[in-house]
Amino acid sequence: MEITDVRVRKVNKEGKMKAVISVTFDNEFVVHDIKVIEREQGLFIAMPSRKSADGEFRDIAHPINGVTREKIQKAILEKYEAALAQEAEEEAKKTDTAVSEN
């Protein structure tokens, strides 16, 4: 199974949740609402989950093994970092444009 698309749907600069991601596999199956979370040890992904009757959150979809989790996490974090870089570049262009207009 190959990751054929990773979309960064929402980027948050504040708080521990940094982004919401959708991942497509083999151009046939998509998983939405994967979250990029920041913690002291660095960024990690949290799979989509639902709160159960006992108040615990349980994953709705998740990789079966660590190798697959690492593959998905690597693809997501690379795309997230690229989205941050693009956002920073766009902000810099806006600032340059505003300064040159004045």
C-alpha atoms as a PDB file:
ATOM      1  CA  MET A   1       0.000   0.000   0.000  1.00  0.00           C
ATOM      2  CA  GLU A   2       1.446   3.349  -1.051  1.00  0.00           C
ATOM      3  CA  ILE A   3       0.715   6.822   0.244  1.00  0.00           C
ATOM      4  CA  THR A   4      -0.397   8.684  -2.867  1.00  0.00           C
ATOM      5  CA  ASP A   5      -1.440  12.021  -1.346  1.00  0.00           C
ATOM      6  CA  VAL A   6      -1.048  13.958   1.890  1.00  0.00           C
ATOM      7  CA  ARG A   7      -3.107  17.119   2.340  1.00  0.00           C
ATOM      8  CA  VAL A   8      -2.600  19.618   5.106  1.00  0.00           C
ATOM      9  CA  ARG A   9      -6.127  20.887   5.667  1.00  0.00           C
ATOM     10  CA  LYS A  10      -5.579  23.223   8.590  1.00  0.00           C
ATOM     11  CA  VAL A  11      -2.456  24.616  10.264  1.00  0.00           C
ATOM     12  CA  ASN A  12      -2.574  26.036  13.785  1.00  0.00           C
ATOM     13  CA  LYS A  13       0.280  28.111  15.121  1.00  0.00           C
ATOM     14  CA  GLU A  14      -1.054  28.217  18.689  1.00  0.00           C
ATOM     15  CA  GLY A  15      -1.671  25.255  20.973  1.00  0.00           C
ATOM     16  CA  LYS A  16      -0.387  21.699  20.893  1.00  0.00           C
ATOM     17  CA  MET A  17      -2.435  20.568  17.874  1.00  0.00           C
ATOM     18  CA  LYS A  18      -0.511  21.931  14.904  1.00  0.00           C
ATOM     19  CA  ALA A  19      -2.375  20.584  11.865  1.00  0.00           C
ATOM     20  CA  VAL A  20      -5.189  18.412  10.569  1.00  0.00           C
ATOM     21  CA  ILE A  21      -4.200  16.066   7.756  1.00  0.00           C
ATOM     22  CA  SER A  22      -5.835  13.764   5.195  1.00  0.00           C
ATOM     23  CA  VAL A  23      -3.866  10.847   3.745  1.00  0.00           C
ATOM     24  CA  THR A  24      -4.804   8.950   0.581  1.00  0.00           C
ATOM     25  CA  PHE A  25      -3.586   5.400  -0.017  1.00  0.00           C
ATOM     26  CA  ASP A  26      -3.262   3.889  -3.521  1.00  0.00           C
ATOM     27  CA  ASN A  27      -5.490   6.673  -4.924  1.00  0.00           C
ATOM     28  CA  GLU A  28      -8.384   4.605  -3.540  1.00  0.00           C
ATOM     29  CA  PHE A  29      -8.754   5.101   0.220  1.00  0.00           C
ATOM     30  CA  VAL A  30      -8.513   8.238   2.366  1.00  0.00           C
ATOM     31  CA  VAL A  31      -8.194   8.774   6.103  1.00  0.00           C
ATOM     32  CA  HIS A  32      -9.226  12.235   7.345  1.00  0.00           C
ATOM     33  CA  ASP A  33      -8.617  14.002  10.644  1.00  0.00           C
ATOM     34  CA  ILE A  34      -5.122  12.780  11.427  1.00  0.00           C
ATOM     35  CA  LYS A  35      -3.658  15.365  13.758  1.00  0.00           C
ATOM     36  CA  VAL A  36      -0.105  16.652  14.071  1.00  0.00           C
ATOM     37  CA  ILE A  37       0.542  17.180  17.775  1.00  0.00           C
ATOM     38  CA  GLU A  38       3.490  18.951  19.404  1.00  0.00           C
ATOM     39  CA  ARG A  39       4.977  17.626  22.618  1.00  0.00           C
ATOM     40  CA  GLU A  40       8.302  18.102  24.386  1.00  0.00           C
ATOM     41  CA  GLN A  41       9.905  15.215  22.464  1.00  0.00           C
ATOM     42  CA  GLY A  42       8.821  16.697  19.121  1.00  0.00           C
ATOM     43  CA  LEU A  43       5.967  16.275  16.680  1.00  0.00           C
ATOM     44  CA  PHE A  44       3.904  13.113  16.342  1.00  0.00           C
ATOM     45  CA  ILE A  45       0.666  12.083  14.669  1.00  0.00           C
ATOM     46  CA  ALA A  46      -2.595  11.129  16.345  1.00  0.00           C
ATOM     47  CA  MET A  47      -4.940   8.969  14.323  1.00  0.00           C
ATOM     48  CA  PRO A  48      -8.642   9.889  14.109  1.00  0.00           C
ATOM     49  CA  SER A  49     -10.444   8.855  17.272  1.00  0.00           C
ATOM     50  CA  ARG A  50     -13.822   8.852  18.955  1.00  0.00           C
ATOM     51  CA  LYS A  51     -14.704   9.246  22.620  1.00  0.00           C
ATOM     52  CA  SER A  52     -16.154   6.017  24.009  1.00  0.00           C
ATOM     53  CA  ALA A  53     -18.891   5.685  26.641  1.00  0.00           C
ATOM     54  CA  ASP A  54     -16.246   5.297  29.363  1.00  0.00           C
ATOM     55  CA  GLY A  55     -14.685   8.654  28.397  1.00  0.00           C
ATOM     56  CA  GLU A  56     -11.568   7.250  26.732  1.00  0.00           C
ATOM     57  CA  PHE A  57     -10.588   8.092  23.171  1.00  0.00           C
ATOM     58  CA  ARG A  58     -10.220   5.128  20.820  1.00  0.00           C
ATOM     59  CA  ASP A  59      -8.668   5.233  17.356  1.00  0.00           C
ATOM     60  CA  ILE A  60     -11.152   4.790  14.514  1.00  0.00           C
ATOM     61  CA  ALA A  61      -8.430   3.922  11.998  1.00  0.00           C
ATOM     62  CA  HIS A  62      -4.802   3.136  12.716  1.00  0.00           C
ATOM     63  CA  PRO A  63      -1.762   1.288  11.344  1.00  0.00           C
ATOM     64  CA  ILE A  64      -1.354  -2.305  12.494  1.00  0.00           C
ATOM     65  CA  ASN A  65       2.424  -2.152  13.005  1.00  0.00           C
ATOM     66  CA  GLY A  66       5.177   0.293  13.870  1.00  0.00           C
ATOM     67  CA  VAL A  67       6.787   0.229  10.427  1.00  0.00           C
ATOM     68  CA  THR A  68       3.569   1.404   8.789  1.00  0.00           C
ATOM     69  CA  ARG A  69       3.018   4.037  11.484  1.00  0.00           C
ATOM     70  CA  GLU A  70       6.536   5.410  10.890  1.00  0.00           C
ATOM     71  CA  LYS A  71       5.973   5.485   7.124  1.00  0.00           C
ATOM     72  CA  ILE A  72       2.722   7.428   7.542  1.00  0.00           C
ATOM     73  CA  GLN A  73       4.185   9.760  10.172  1.00  0.00           C
ATOM     74  CA  LYS A  74       7.242  10.530   8.026  1.00  0.00           C
ATOM     75  CA  ALA A  75       5.084  11.412   4.993  1.00  0.00           C
ATOM     76  CA  ILE A  76       2.757  13.576   7.097  1.00  0.00           C
ATOM     77  CA  LEU A  77       5.510  15.466   8.923  1.00  0.00           C
ATOM     78  CA  GLU A  78       7.396  16.139   5.671  1.00  0.00           C
ATOM     79  CA  LYS A  79       4.234  17.606   4.121  1.00  0.00           C
ATOM     80  CA  TYR A  80       3.488  19.588   7.287  1.00  0.00           C
ATOM     81  CA  GLU A  81       6.998  21.101   7.312  1.00  0.00           C
ATOM     82  CA  ALA A  82       6.623  21.995   3.619  1.00  0.00           C
ATOM     83  CA  ALA A  83       3.274  23.674   4.345  1.00  0.00           C
ATOM     84  CA  LEU A  84       4.877  25.702   7.149  1.00  0.00           C
ATOM     85  CA  ALA A  85       7.711  26.783   4.863  1.00  0.00           C
ATOM     86  CA  GLN A  86       5.259  27.802   2.143  1.00  0.00           C
ATOM     87  CA  GLU A  87       3.146  29.732   4.635  1.00  0.00           C
ATOM     88  CA  ALA A  88       6.235  31.568   5.927  1.00  0.00           C
ATOM     89  CA  GLU A  89       7.263  32.407   2.364  1.00  0.00           C
ATOM     90  CA  GLU A  90       3.791  33.810   1.602  1.00  0.00           C
ATOM     91  CA  GLU A  91       3.871  35.896   4.791  1.00  0.00           C
ATOM     92  CA  ALA A  92       7.291  37.273   3.828  1.00  0.00           C
ATOM     93  CA  LYS A  93       5.999  38.238   0.375  1.00  0.00           C
ATOM     94  CA  LYS A  94       3.020  40.054   1.936  1.00  0.00           C
ATOM     95  CA  THR A  95       5.348  41.941   4.262  1.00  0.00           C
ATOM     96  CA  ASP A  96       7.688  42.858   1.380  1.00  0.00           C
ATOM     97  CA  THR A  97       4.754  44.041  -0.725  1.00  0.00           C
ATOM     98  CA  ALA A  98       3.337  46.144   2.124  1.00  0.00           C
ATOM     99  CA  VAL A  99       6.735  47.742   2.801  1.00  0.00           C
ATOM    100  CA  SER A 100       7.390  48.529  -0.874  1.00  0.00           C
ATOM    101  CA  GLU A 101       3.929  50.121  -1.278  1.00  0.00           C
ATOM    102  CA  ASN A 102       4.632  52.571   1.549  1.00  0.00           C
END
